[in-house]
Amino acid sequence: MRFKPHCFEIVSDKLIVFSENKRKLTLENSQKVEVTKVTVDGCEITSSALKCDFMAVTSNMEYFVELKGSNVKHAFKQLESSIHLLSEDKVNTTKRCYVISTKSPLTSTQIQIEGKRFKKNYNAVLKVRSNSYKEKL
């Protein structure tokens, strides 16, 4: 088994929700695809290593989720570290990385630069959104 048994669940709900401290990411799963939903921070990774809050895995995609206050730069480091620690293949597996923050002090240019770096280094689409975000799986 790839993940600790008590740190994940297999779900096929129409809405897969990750939430913490008034921040929320909802993945719309209209096809009811089987998704492995992992609690990363404090469960799958308990060490002092940088880590994101949650992860979701489908047959063809990995999702890394960080629900953050306003330190978006730190969130990027947490996502990167989690990819290194948990991705099946940090270079070839397709990924989506989300930072849901209360406010982003970064300019859209800074976020675009990080987005290009994530795409190049990890085959990952990086999205930074505020408070609540919904996207199709």
Protein backbone atom coordinates (compact mmCIF):
# COMPACT_ATOMS: atom_id res chain seq x y z
CA MET A 1 0.00 0.00 0.00
CA ARG A 2 1.32 3.40 -0.99
CA PHE A 3 -0.17 5.37 1.93
CA LYS A 4 -0.60 4.66 5.62
CA PRO A 5 -3.98 2.91 6.04
CA HIS A 6 -5.37 5.44 8.55
CA CYS A 7 -4.34 8.46 6.43
CA PHE A 8 -6.42 7.93 3.32
CA GLU A 9 -9.86 6.99 2.12
CA ILE A 10 -11.16 5.92 -1.28
CA VAL A 11 -14.09 8.10 -2.33
CA SER A 12 -16.20 8.51 -5.45
CA ASP A 13 -18.44 11.33 -4.25
CA LYS A 14 -19.71 13.94 -6.70
CA LEU A 15 -18.02 16.63 -4.59
CA ILE A 16 -14.66 15.99 -2.95
CA VAL A 17 -14.00 18.73 -0.41
CA PHE A 18 -10.77 19.75 1.31
CA SER A 19 -11.28 22.42 3.96
CA GLU A 20 -9.51 24.00 6.90
CA ASN A 21 -9.82 27.36 8.68
CA LYS A 22 -12.44 28.82 6.29
CA ARG A 23 -10.45 27.87 3.20
CA LYS A 24 -11.85 25.26 0.87
CA LEU A 25 -11.10 23.44 -2.38
CA THR A 26 -13.89 21.43 -3.97
CA LEU A 27 -13.19 18.98 -6.78
CA GLU A 28 -16.30 18.24 -8.84
CA ASN A 29 -16.36 14.52 -9.62
CA SER A 30 -19.40 14.26 -11.92
CA GLN A 31 -18.22 10.93 -13.36
CA LYS A 32 -17.85 9.52 -9.81
CA VAL A 33 -14.25 8.51 -10.49
CA GLU A 34 -12.51 6.64 -7.68
CA VAL A 35 -10.24 9.05 -5.80
CA THR A 36 -7.74 8.34 -3.04
CA LYS A 37 -8.07 11.27 -0.61
CA VAL A 38 -5.01 11.59 1.66
CA THR A 39 -4.50 13.65 4.81
CA VAL A 40 -0.84 14.59 4.44
CA ASP A 41 -0.03 17.04 7.25
CA GLY A 42 0.04 15.28 10.60
CA CYS A 43 -0.86 11.85 9.21
CA GLU A 44 0.93 10.64 6.07
CA ILE A 45 3.86 12.92 6.95
CA THR A 46 4.36 13.49 10.67
CA SER A 47 7.98 14.62 10.57
CA SER A 48 9.09 18.24 10.58
CA ALA A 49 9.51 18.08 6.79
CA LEU A 50 7.66 20.72 4.80
CA LYS A 51 4.36 19.24 3.63
CA CYS A 52 1.05 20.28 2.13
CA ASP A 53 -2.28 19.67 3.86
CA PHE A 54 -3.92 17.17 1.52
CA MET A 55 -3.39 15.06 -1.56
CA ALA A 56 -5.77 13.31 -3.95
CA VAL A 57 -4.86 10.64 -6.46
CA THR A 58 -6.79 9.31 -9.46
CA SER A 59 -5.65 6.80 -12.05
CA ASN A 60 -4.03 9.54 -14.13
CA MET A 61 -3.49 12.58 -11.88
CA GLU A 62 -2.10 13.69 -8.54
CA TYR A 63 -3.53 16.70 -6.71
CA PHE A 64 -1.60 18.53 -3.99
CA VAL A 65 -3.55 20.96 -1.79
CA GLU A 66 -2.26 23.62 0.60
CA LEU A 67 -4.84 25.67 2.50
CA LYS A 68 -2.90 28.73 3.63
CA GLY A 69 -3.18 32.04 5.42
CA SER A 70 -1.21 34.57 3.42
CA ASN A 71 2.32 33.11 3.17
CA VAL A 72 1.98 31.88 -0.41
CA LYS A 73 5.74 31.60 -0.99
CA HIS A 74 5.94 29.14 1.91
CA ALA A 75 3.02 27.22 0.40
CA PHE A 76 5.04 26.71 -2.81
CA LYS A 77 7.85 25.15 -0.75
CA GLN A 78 5.35 22.90 1.04
CA LEU A 79 3.91 21.71 -2.28
CA GLU A 80 7.35 21.04 -3.74
CA SER A 81 8.45 19.08 -0.70
CA SER A 82 5.26 17.02 -0.80
CA ILE A 83 5.79 16.20 -4.47
CA HIS A 84 9.30 14.96 -3.66
CA LEU A 85 8.05 12.87 -0.74
CA LEU A 86 4.77 11.49 -2.10
CA SER A 87 4.53 11.62 -5.88
CA GLU A 88 4.54 8.32 -7.74
CA ASP A 89 6.82 9.99 -10.31
CA LYS A 90 7.75 13.60 -9.59
CA VAL A 91 8.69 14.32 -13.20
CA ASN A 92 6.28 12.34 -15.39
CA THR A 93 3.02 12.00 -13.45
CA THR A 94 0.58 14.81 -14.29
CA LYS A 95 -0.17 16.99 -11.27
CA ARG A 96 -2.31 19.88 -10.14
CA CYS A 97 -1.16 21.95 -7.20
CA TYR A 98 -3.47 24.32 -5.34
CA VAL A 99 -2.79 27.08 -2.87
CA ILE A 100 -6.02 28.37 -1.36
CA SER A 101 -5.11 31.41 0.73
CA THR A 102 -6.86 34.19 2.58
CA LYS A 103 -4.95 36.71 0.53
CA SER A 104 -2.01 36.57 -1.79
CA PRO A 105 0.70 39.18 -1.30
CA LEU A 106 2.33 38.03 -4.53
CA THR A 107 1.77 39.71 -7.86
CA SER A 108 0.28 37.71 -10.68
CA THR A 109 3.71 37.89 -12.38
CA GLN A 110 5.39 36.18 -9.41
CA ILE A 111 2.71 33.50 -9.41
CA GLN A 112 3.13 33.01 -13.18
CA ILE A 113 6.88 32.52 -12.73
CA GLU A 114 6.25 29.88 -10.05
CA GLY A 115 3.62 28.28 -12.29
CA LYS A 116 6.14 27.91 -15.13
CA ARG A 117 8.69 26.43 -12.74
CA PHE A 118 6.19 23.87 -11.40
CA LYS A 119 5.23 22.92 -14.97
CA LYS A 120 8.84 22.52 -16.06
CA ASN A 121 10.14 20.68 -12.98
CA TYR A 122 7.13 18.60 -11.91
CA ASN A 123 4.65 18.42 -14.82
CA ALA A 124 2.29 20.34 -12.53
CA VAL A 125 -0.30 23.06 -13.06
CA LEU A 126 -0.12 25.51 -10.15
CA LYS A 127 -3.23 27.45 -9.13
CA VAL A 128 -3.37 30.13 -6.44
CA ARG A 129 -6.89 31.11 -5.40
CA SER A 130 -8.45 32.93 -2.46
CA ASN A 131 -10.64 31.37 0.25
CA SER A 132 -12.77 28.97 -1.77
CA TYR A 133 -12.31 27.38 -5.18
CA LYS A 134 -14.16 24.77 -7.18
CA GLU A 135 -12.85 22.84 -10.17
CA LYS A 136 -13.75 19.78 -12.22
CA LEU A 137 -11.71 16.70 -11.45
